[in-house]
Amino acid sequence: MDPVLLHLVREALLVVLLVSAPPIGAALLVGVATGALQAATQIQEPTIGVVPRLVAVLGALAVASPFVGARVLRLAAECFALAGQVGP
């Protein structure tokens, strides 16, 4: 397999991991906190766990959007720059 193509695939997978980390991390932290709160108070309402996670994910996306946009743009520029080097 072409080494340029392998490099692009590796970079794309890395970007996917980095771009998805902020919302997943925020959902994890808020989910653990609301779960502990629900366990302590014995309130088992499903919406109490969903709404804070949704707000945390949207907030994390809003805060991390400059980083995400720059990272995806850098990957796209690298893909276009290396597109001519990929052999048939």
Protein backbone atom coordinates (compact mmCIF):
# COMPACT_ATOMS: atom_id res chain seq x y z
CA MET A 1 0.00 0.00 0.00
CA ASP A 2 1.15 3.51 -0.74
CA PRO A 3 2.92 5.17 2.25
CA VAL A 4 1.29 8.53 1.48
CA LEU A 5 -2.14 6.94 1.65
CA LEU A 6 -1.27 5.19 4.92
CA HIS A 7 -0.11 8.52 6.35
CA LEU A 8 -3.38 10.20 5.37
CA VAL A 9 -5.47 7.40 6.87
CA ARG A 10 -3.48 7.54 10.11
CA GLU A 11 -3.88 11.32 10.29
CA ALA A 12 -7.62 11.05 9.56
CA LEU A 13 -8.09 8.55 12.39
CA LEU A 14 -6.13 10.78 14.74
CA VAL A 15 -8.27 13.78 13.80
CA VAL A 16 -11.44 11.76 14.41
CA LEU A 17 -10.21 10.87 17.89
CA LEU A 18 -9.17 14.43 18.71
CA VAL A 19 -12.37 15.98 17.35
CA SER A 20 -14.65 13.57 19.23
CA ALA A 21 -12.77 13.78 22.55
CA PRO A 22 -14.22 17.07 23.94
CA PRO A 23 -17.93 16.17 23.63
CA ILE A 24 -17.38 12.58 24.75
CA GLY A 25 -15.32 13.72 27.73
CA ALA A 26 -17.93 16.30 28.72
CA ALA A 27 -20.72 13.72 28.44
CA LEU A 28 -18.70 11.27 30.51
CA LEU A 29 -17.99 13.74 33.32
CA VAL A 30 -21.53 15.05 33.50
CA GLY A 31 -22.97 11.54 33.23
CA VAL A 32 -20.89 10.32 36.15
CA ALA A 33 -21.81 13.38 38.23
CA THR A 34 -25.54 13.09 37.54
CA GLY A 35 -25.43 9.34 38.11
CA ALA A 36 -23.79 9.83 41.48
CA LEU A 37 -26.31 12.53 42.34
CA GLN A 38 -29.21 10.31 41.31
CA ALA A 39 -27.82 7.41 43.33
CA ALA A 40 -27.35 9.61 46.39
CA THR A 41 -30.85 11.10 46.22
CA GLN A 42 -32.54 7.94 44.88
CA ILE A 43 -34.29 9.94 42.16
CA GLN A 44 -34.38 7.75 39.05
CA GLU A 45 -35.89 10.15 36.51
CA PRO A 46 -34.37 9.47 33.05
CA THR A 47 -34.53 13.08 31.89
CA ILE A 48 -32.35 14.20 34.79
CA GLY A 49 -29.45 12.29 33.24
CA VAL A 50 -30.08 13.20 29.61
CA VAL A 51 -30.62 16.95 29.72
CA PRO A 52 -27.38 17.88 31.55
CA ARG A 53 -25.37 15.61 29.24
CA LEU A 54 -26.93 17.23 26.18
CA VAL A 55 -26.14 20.70 27.53
CA ALA A 56 -22.57 19.64 28.36
CA VAL A 57 -22.01 18.20 24.88
CA LEU A 58 -23.35 21.33 23.19
CA GLY A 59 -21.20 23.51 25.45
CA ALA A 60 -18.11 21.42 24.75
CA LEU A 61 -18.77 21.66 21.01
CA ALA A 62 -19.19 25.43 21.29
CA VAL A 63 -15.94 25.81 23.24
CA ALA A 64 -13.93 23.36 21.13
CA SER A 65 -15.25 24.45 17.72
CA PRO A 66 -12.22 26.65 16.86
CA PHE A 67 -9.87 23.75 17.61
CA VAL A 68 -12.06 21.28 15.72
CA GLY A 69 -12.39 23.55 12.70
CA ALA A 70 -8.67 24.27 12.54
CA ARG A 71 -7.78 20.59 12.88
CA VAL A 72 -10.21 19.48 10.15
CA LEU A 73 -9.08 22.31 7.87
CA ARG A 74 -5.43 21.31 8.38
CA LEU A 75 -6.27 17.71 7.50
CA ALA A 76 -8.17 18.77 4.38
CA ALA A 77 -5.27 20.94 3.24
CA GLU A 78 -2.85 18.05 3.79
CA CYS A 79 -5.11 15.69 1.85
CA PHE A 80 -5.31 18.06 -1.10
CA ALA A 81 -1.57 18.70 -1.01
CA LEU A 82 -0.74 14.96 -1.00
CA ALA A 83 -3.49 13.93 -3.44
CA GLY A 84 -1.14 14.23 -6.40
CA GLN A 85 1.44 11.92 -4.81
CA VAL A 86 -0.88 8.94 -4.45
CA GLY A 87 0.00 6.44 -7.14
CA PRO A 88 -2.48 4.33 -9.13
